[in-house]
Structures are given as structure tokens and as C-alpha cells.
Amino acid sequence: MQTLIRSILRFRLLLAVGGLGWILSGCAGYEVRGRVVSGSFGGLVAVVDEGDPRLRAEGVGNARITIVRDPGRLNARQVATGVSEADGDFVIPLAEFGAGWLDEEWRVQAVRSRIGLAEGLVRMPRPGAGEVLLIELREADPSEIDDLQRRGGGREDLYDEVERWSTP
């Protein structure tokens, strides 16, 4: 009888430790990897395979990348930022629960003064799946770039949002 009780207690302990490890692994260690390139398309942000030929295009360095969680909600918040290296590659640590494995959309914005911008909704690349973010900047009017930088990648001011939705 005591052997059965000990086995049950060991199983519960193992289950608790395993569950805790699973939860903690979802909160730490995730990095978003990708490349910023100059493109002629309309500001593309996409999750692509590491072998995608568009990743071999000339990279754009010093692009500011912003990641926003829950972009369609009032509680949207900027959760990470980074800057692309001289060759266009970037790695951004993203210490948010569920990043890369929960099925949710994130807003990714990239801006490079005097070159262009890109903005889009994506599901983050899955860890170990050989996926990266591809950001193709499009040429933009300087006022568009200023507006995006003014917003700082976060949600709009409430007055801006009311104005946007109330204007026919």
C-alpha cells in the first residue's frame, strides 16, 4: 500500500515539475530572427522559410523594428523593439508568454528614415521550424514615417482613434 502511495506522490511531483518547466519555457528564451530588405511591394511583413530567395536581397541596416501584442485591442502594447544590423539581419528577444507557439497575431512595424516603412500582422515564427521574419520596406512619404515614429509602434492616442473611426 505504501508503495502505491509513494508512486502516486512521485507521479504528482514529476507532473508538477514538468508542468512548471513547460510554463516557464513559454516565457523565456524566445527570439525573433529575420531580415529587413528594400522591396518594391507595399511594405511586406511575413513569416518565411529560412531558404526563401527574398532573404538574399540587399539588406537594410539601422531599421527600427517594433513588435506590438494584441494590436486590435485597447490593451495593445509595445512589447519589444530592435534595430537591424548593417547587413539587414536582426535578432529581437521577445520575453512574452506564448510567443512563437500560441496562435495569435502580432503587429510588426519597421521604419528606416529616408528609405521607407513596413507594417503587418503576423504569427510569430515557431521555434525550431526554420522560419524567420522577412520585412520588405516600401518607399514612404516622410509624413508617413514621422507619423509611425510619433506613435512609437504602440496603440494610437484615443483621440486619434475616435477621429479615424468617426470620419466618413
C-alpha atoms as a PDB file:
ATOM      1  CA  MET A   1       0.000   0.000   0.000  1.00  0.00           C
ATOM      2  CA  GLN A   2       2.791   2.419   0.893  1.00  0.00           C
ATOM      3  CA  THR A   3       4.468   1.664  -2.442  1.00  0.00           C
ATOM      4  CA  LEU A   4       1.301   2.735  -4.261  1.00  0.00           C
ATOM      5  CA  ILE A   5       1.080   5.965  -2.263  1.00  0.00           C
ATOM      6  CA  ARG A   6       4.763   6.725  -2.933  1.00  0.00           C
ATOM      7  CA  SER A   7       4.271   6.065  -6.661  1.00  0.00           C
ATOM      8  CA  ILE A   8       1.296   8.424  -6.774  1.00  0.00           C
ATOM      9  CA  LEU A   9       3.233  11.140  -4.915  1.00  0.00           C
ATOM     10  CA  ARG A  10       6.236  10.743  -7.231  1.00  0.00           C
ATOM     11  CA  PHE A  11       3.955  10.954 -10.250  1.00  0.00           C
ATOM     12  CA  ARG A  12       2.321  14.147  -8.924  1.00  0.00           C
ATOM     13  CA  LEU A  13       5.722  15.683  -8.187  1.00  0.00           C
ATOM     14  CA  LEU A  14       7.012  14.777 -11.635  1.00  0.00           C
ATOM     15  CA  LEU A  15       3.849  16.198 -13.205  1.00  0.00           C
ATOM     16  CA  ALA A  16       4.176  19.450 -11.226  1.00  0.00           C
ATOM     17  CA  VAL A  17       7.863  19.906 -12.117  1.00  0.00           C
ATOM     18  CA  GLY A  18       7.212  19.067 -15.768  1.00  0.00           C
ATOM     19  CA  GLY A  19       4.267  21.470 -15.914  1.00  0.00           C
ATOM     20  CA  LEU A  20       6.276  24.250 -14.328  1.00  0.00           C
ATOM     21  CA  GLY A  21       9.113  23.693 -16.796  1.00  0.00           C
ATOM     22  CA  TRP A  22       6.662  23.776 -19.705  1.00  0.00           C
ATOM     23  CA  ILE A  23       5.117  27.041 -18.478  1.00  0.00           C
ATOM     24  CA  LEU A  24       8.488  28.690 -17.874  1.00  0.00           C
ATOM     25  CA  SER A  25       9.801  27.646 -21.286  1.00  0.00           C
ATOM     26  CA  GLY A  26       6.960  29.621 -22.857  1.00  0.00           C
ATOM     27  CA  CYS A  27       8.075  32.802 -21.087  1.00  0.00           C
ATOM     28  CA  ALA A  28      11.799  32.904 -21.673  1.00  0.00           C
ATOM     29  CA  GLY A  29      14.374  32.352 -24.339  1.00  0.00           C
ATOM     30  CA  TYR A  30      12.316  33.178 -27.433  1.00  0.00           C
ATOM     31  CA  GLU A  31      13.995  35.340 -30.080  1.00  0.00           C
ATOM     32  CA  VAL A  32      12.516  36.726 -33.268  1.00  0.00           C
ATOM     33  CA  ARG A  33      15.008  36.386 -36.128  1.00  0.00           C
ATOM     34  CA  GLY A  34      14.729  37.901 -39.554  1.00  0.00           C
ATOM     35  CA  ARG A  35      15.959  40.268 -42.231  1.00  0.00           C
ATOM     36  CA  VAL A  36      14.994  43.736 -43.447  1.00  0.00           C
ATOM     37  CA  VAL A  37      15.332  44.297 -47.194  1.00  0.00           C
ATOM     38  CA  SER A  38      14.346  47.034 -49.605  1.00  0.00           C
ATOM     39  CA  GLY A  39      11.361  45.999 -51.691  1.00  0.00           C
ATOM     40  CA  SER A  40       9.087  47.345 -54.350  1.00  0.00           C
ATOM     41  CA  PHE A  41       5.994  45.681 -52.883  1.00  0.00           C
ATOM     42  CA  GLY A  42       3.722  47.503 -50.418  1.00  0.00           C
ATOM     43  CA  GLY A  43       5.633  47.146 -47.154  1.00  0.00           C
ATOM     44  CA  LEU A  44       5.575  43.390 -46.628  1.00  0.00           C
ATOM     45  CA  VAL A  45       5.993  41.699 -43.240  1.00  0.00           C
ATOM     46  CA  ALA A  46       5.820  37.904 -43.467  1.00  0.00           C
ATOM     47  CA  VAL A  47       6.992  34.697 -41.841  1.00  0.00           C
ATOM     48  CA  VAL A  48       9.021  32.781 -44.424  1.00  0.00           C
ATOM     49  CA  ASP A  49      11.197  29.683 -44.629  1.00  0.00           C
ATOM     50  CA  GLU A  50      14.918  30.277 -43.940  1.00  0.00           C
ATOM     51  CA  GLY A  51      15.641  29.316 -47.575  1.00  0.00           C
ATOM     52  CA  ASP A  52      13.331  31.947 -49.114  1.00  0.00           C
ATOM     53  CA  PRO A  53      15.196  33.640 -52.007  1.00  0.00           C
ATOM     54  CA  ARG A  54      13.937  37.099 -50.966  1.00  0.00           C
ATOM     55  CA  LEU A  55      16.176  36.851 -47.905  1.00  0.00           C
ATOM     56  CA  ARG A  56      19.214  37.087 -50.223  1.00  0.00           C
ATOM     57  CA  ALA A  57      18.244  40.607 -51.337  1.00  0.00           C
ATOM     58  CA  GLU A  58      20.385  43.509 -50.191  1.00  0.00           C
ATOM     59  CA  GLY A  59      19.716  44.175 -46.533  1.00  0.00           C
ATOM     60  CA  VAL A  60      18.724  47.481 -44.967  1.00  0.00           C
ATOM     61  CA  GLY A  61      20.665  48.355 -41.852  1.00  0.00           C
ATOM     62  CA  ASN A  62      19.591  50.562 -38.969  1.00  0.00           C
ATOM     63  CA  ALA A  63      15.851  49.932 -39.437  1.00  0.00           C
ATOM     64  CA  ARG A  64      13.877  50.291 -36.195  1.00  0.00           C
ATOM     65  CA  ILE A  65      11.638  47.257 -35.623  1.00  0.00           C
ATOM     66  CA  THR A  66       8.739  47.362 -33.180  1.00  0.00           C
ATOM     67  CA  ILE A  67       6.559  44.452 -32.053  1.00  0.00           C
ATOM     68  CA  VAL A  68       3.070  45.082 -30.646  1.00  0.00           C
ATOM     69  CA  ARG A  69       0.988  42.473 -28.844  1.00  0.00           C
ATOM     70  CA  ASP A  70      -2.833  42.444 -29.116  1.00  0.00           C
ATOM     71  CA  PRO A  71      -2.836  45.078 -31.884  1.00  0.00           C
ATOM     72  CA  GLY A  72      -6.605  45.091 -32.392  1.00  0.00           C
ATOM     73  CA  ARG A  73      -7.477  45.724 -28.756  1.00  0.00           C
ATOM     74  CA  LEU A  74      -7.474  48.702 -26.437  1.00  0.00           C
ATOM     75  CA  ASN A  75      -4.843  46.968 -24.288  1.00  0.00           C
ATOM     76  CA  ALA A  76      -2.402  46.728 -27.224  1.00  0.00           C
ATOM     77  CA  ARG A  77       1.129  47.294 -26.047  1.00  0.00           C
ATOM     78  CA  GLN A  78       4.608  47.533 -27.458  1.00  0.00           C
ATOM     79  CA  VAL A  79       6.493  44.508 -26.153  1.00  0.00           C
ATOM     80  CA  ALA A  80       9.829  44.622 -27.960  1.00  0.00           C
ATOM     81  CA  THR A  81      11.999  46.772 -30.192  1.00  0.00           C
ATOM     82  CA  GLY A  82      15.210  46.249 -32.054  1.00  0.00           C
ATOM     83  CA  VAL A  83      17.413  47.603 -34.818  1.00  0.00           C
ATOM     84  CA  SER A  84      18.631  45.711 -37.870  1.00  0.00           C
ATOM     85  CA  GLU A  85      22.370  45.178 -38.293  1.00  0.00           C
ATOM     86  CA  ALA A  86      24.276  46.724 -41.219  1.00  0.00           C
ATOM     87  CA  ASP A  87      23.506  43.643 -43.356  1.00  0.00           C
ATOM     88  CA  GLY A  88      19.758  43.833 -42.559  1.00  0.00           C
ATOM     89  CA  ASP A  89      19.653  40.857 -40.177  1.00  0.00           C
ATOM     90  CA  PHE A  90      18.087  41.211 -36.734  1.00  0.00           C
ATOM     91  CA  VAL A  91      17.505  39.204 -33.571  1.00  0.00           C
ATOM     92  CA  ILE A  92      14.996  40.574 -31.052  1.00  0.00           C
ATOM     93  CA  PRO A  93      14.446  38.888 -27.667  1.00  0.00           C
ATOM     94  CA  LEU A  94      10.715  38.548 -27.000  1.00  0.00           C
ATOM     95  CA  ALA A  95      10.006  37.597 -23.380  1.00  0.00           C
ATOM     96  CA  GLU A  96       6.248  37.263 -23.743  1.00  0.00           C
ATOM     97  CA  PHE A  97       4.269  34.206 -22.714  1.00  0.00           C
ATOM     98  CA  GLY A  98       3.264  32.114 -25.724  1.00  0.00           C
ATOM     99  CA  ALA A  99       5.458  33.889 -28.279  1.00  0.00           C
ATOM    100  CA  GLY A 100       6.095  31.507 -31.145  1.00  0.00           C
ATOM    101  CA  TRP A 101       3.652  28.791 -30.146  1.00  0.00           C
ATOM    102  CA  LEU A 102       0.310  30.456 -29.324  1.00  0.00           C
ATOM    103  CA  ASP A 103      -1.892  31.088 -32.356  1.00  0.00           C
ATOM    104  CA  GLU A 104      -2.175  34.871 -32.176  1.00  0.00           C
ATOM    105  CA  GLU A 105      -1.349  37.831 -34.391  1.00  0.00           C
ATOM    106  CA  TRP A 106       1.295  40.416 -33.562  1.00  0.00           C
ATOM    107  CA  ARG A 107       1.859  43.747 -35.315  1.00  0.00           C
ATOM    108  CA  VAL A 108       5.382  44.188 -36.624  1.00  0.00           C
ATOM    109  CA  GLN A 109       6.478  47.618 -37.808  1.00  0.00           C
ATOM    110  CA  ALA A 110       9.789  48.642 -39.329  1.00  0.00           C
ATOM    111  CA  VAL A 111      10.933  52.150 -40.178  1.00  0.00           C
ATOM    112  CA  ARG A 112      14.118  53.433 -41.764  1.00  0.00           C
ATOM    113  CA  SER A 113      14.359  57.191 -42.258  1.00  0.00           C
ATOM    114  CA  ARG A 114      14.716  58.308 -45.872  1.00  0.00           C
ATOM    115  CA  ILE A 115      14.174  54.716 -47.074  1.00  0.00           C
ATOM    116  CA  GLY A 116      10.741  53.510 -46.094  1.00  0.00           C
ATOM    117  CA  LEU A 117       8.490  51.546 -43.821  1.00  0.00           C
ATOM    118  CA  ALA A 118       6.618  48.273 -43.470  1.00  0.00           C
ATOM    119  CA  GLU A 119       3.800  47.214 -41.198  1.00  0.00           C
ATOM    120  CA  GLY A 120       1.856  43.983 -40.953  1.00  0.00           C
ATOM    121  CA  LEU A 121       0.168  41.387 -38.779  1.00  0.00           C
ATOM    122  CA  VAL A 122       1.951  38.048 -38.405  1.00  0.00           C
ATOM    123  CA  ARG A 123       2.012  34.924 -36.288  1.00  0.00           C
ATOM    124  CA  MET A 124       5.493  34.659 -34.822  1.00  0.00           C
ATOM    125  CA  PRO A 125       7.881  32.044 -36.286  1.00  0.00           C
ATOM    126  CA  ARG A 126       7.719  28.724 -34.459  1.00  0.00           C
ATOM    127  CA  PRO A 127      10.891  27.718 -32.605  1.00  0.00           C
ATOM    128  CA  GLY A 128      12.823  25.035 -34.463  1.00  0.00           C
ATOM    129  CA  ALA A 129      10.634  25.238 -37.595  1.00  0.00           C
ATOM    130  CA  GLY A 130      13.238  27.009 -39.754  1.00  0.00           C
ATOM    131  CA  GLU A 131      11.122  30.158 -40.089  1.00  0.00           C
ATOM    132  CA  VAL A 132      12.183  33.822 -39.929  1.00  0.00           C
ATOM    133  CA  LEU A 133      10.571  37.227 -40.423  1.00  0.00           C
ATOM    134  CA  LEU A 134      11.004  38.918 -43.780  1.00  0.00           C
ATOM    135  CA  ILE A 135      10.441  42.671 -43.775  1.00  0.00           C
ATOM    136  CA  GLU A 136      10.391  44.435 -47.151  1.00  0.00           C
ATOM    137  CA  LEU A 137      10.416  48.199 -46.711  1.00  0.00           C
ATOM    138  CA  ARG A 138       8.433  50.245 -49.201  1.00  0.00           C
ATOM    139  CA  GLU A 139       9.141  53.821 -50.121  1.00  0.00           C
ATOM    140  CA  ALA A 140       7.094  56.121 -47.962  1.00  0.00           C
ATOM    141  CA  ASP A 141       6.226  59.761 -47.764  1.00  0.00           C
ATOM    142  CA  PRO A 142       8.248  61.423 -44.960  1.00  0.00           C
ATOM    143  CA  SER A 143       4.998  62.371 -43.180  1.00  0.00           C
ATOM    144  CA  GLU A 144       4.006  58.662 -43.034  1.00  0.00           C
ATOM    145  CA  ILE A 145       7.344  57.790 -41.473  1.00  0.00           C
ATOM    146  CA  ASP A 146       7.047  60.674 -38.985  1.00  0.00           C
ATOM    147  CA  ASP A 147       3.524  59.557 -38.052  1.00  0.00           C
ATOM    148  CA  LEU A 148       4.609  55.968 -37.444  1.00  0.00           C
ATOM    149  CA  GLN A 149       7.596  57.103 -35.378  1.00  0.00           C
ATOM    150  CA  ARG A 150       5.380  59.523 -33.429  1.00  0.00           C
ATOM    151  CA  ARG A 151       3.049  56.677 -32.498  1.00  0.00           C
ATOM    152  CA  GLY A 152       6.137  54.726 -31.437  1.00  0.00           C
ATOM    153  CA  GLY A 153       4.684  51.451 -32.597  1.00  0.00           C
ATOM    154  CA  GLY A 154       2.133  51.407 -29.809  1.00  0.00           C
ATOM    155  CA  ARG A 155      -1.556  51.995 -29.943  1.00  0.00           C
ATOM    156  CA  GLU A 156      -2.931  55.238 -31.215  1.00  0.00           C
ATOM    157  CA  ASP A 157      -3.933  58.046 -28.931  1.00  0.00           C
ATOM    158  CA  LEU A 158      -7.626  57.642 -28.036  1.00  0.00           C
ATOM    159  CA  TYR A 159      -8.463  60.952 -29.757  1.00  0.00           C
ATOM    160  CA  ASP A 160      -6.709  59.802 -32.955  1.00  0.00           C
ATOM    161  CA  GLU A 161      -8.647  56.552 -32.852  1.00  0.00           C
ATOM    162  CA  VAL A 162     -12.008  58.317 -32.401  1.00  0.00           C
ATOM    163  CA  GLU A 163     -11.153  60.694 -35.255  1.00  0.00           C
ATOM    164  CA  ARG A 164     -10.145  57.808 -37.531  1.00  0.00           C
ATOM    165  CA  TRP A 165     -13.358  55.854 -36.925  1.00  0.00           C
ATOM    166  CA  SER A 166     -15.752  58.831 -36.954  1.00  0.00           C
ATOM    167  CA  THR A 167     -14.512  60.335 -40.233  1.00  0.00           C
ATOM    168  CA  PRO A 168     -16.587  59.078 -43.185  1.00  0.00           C
END
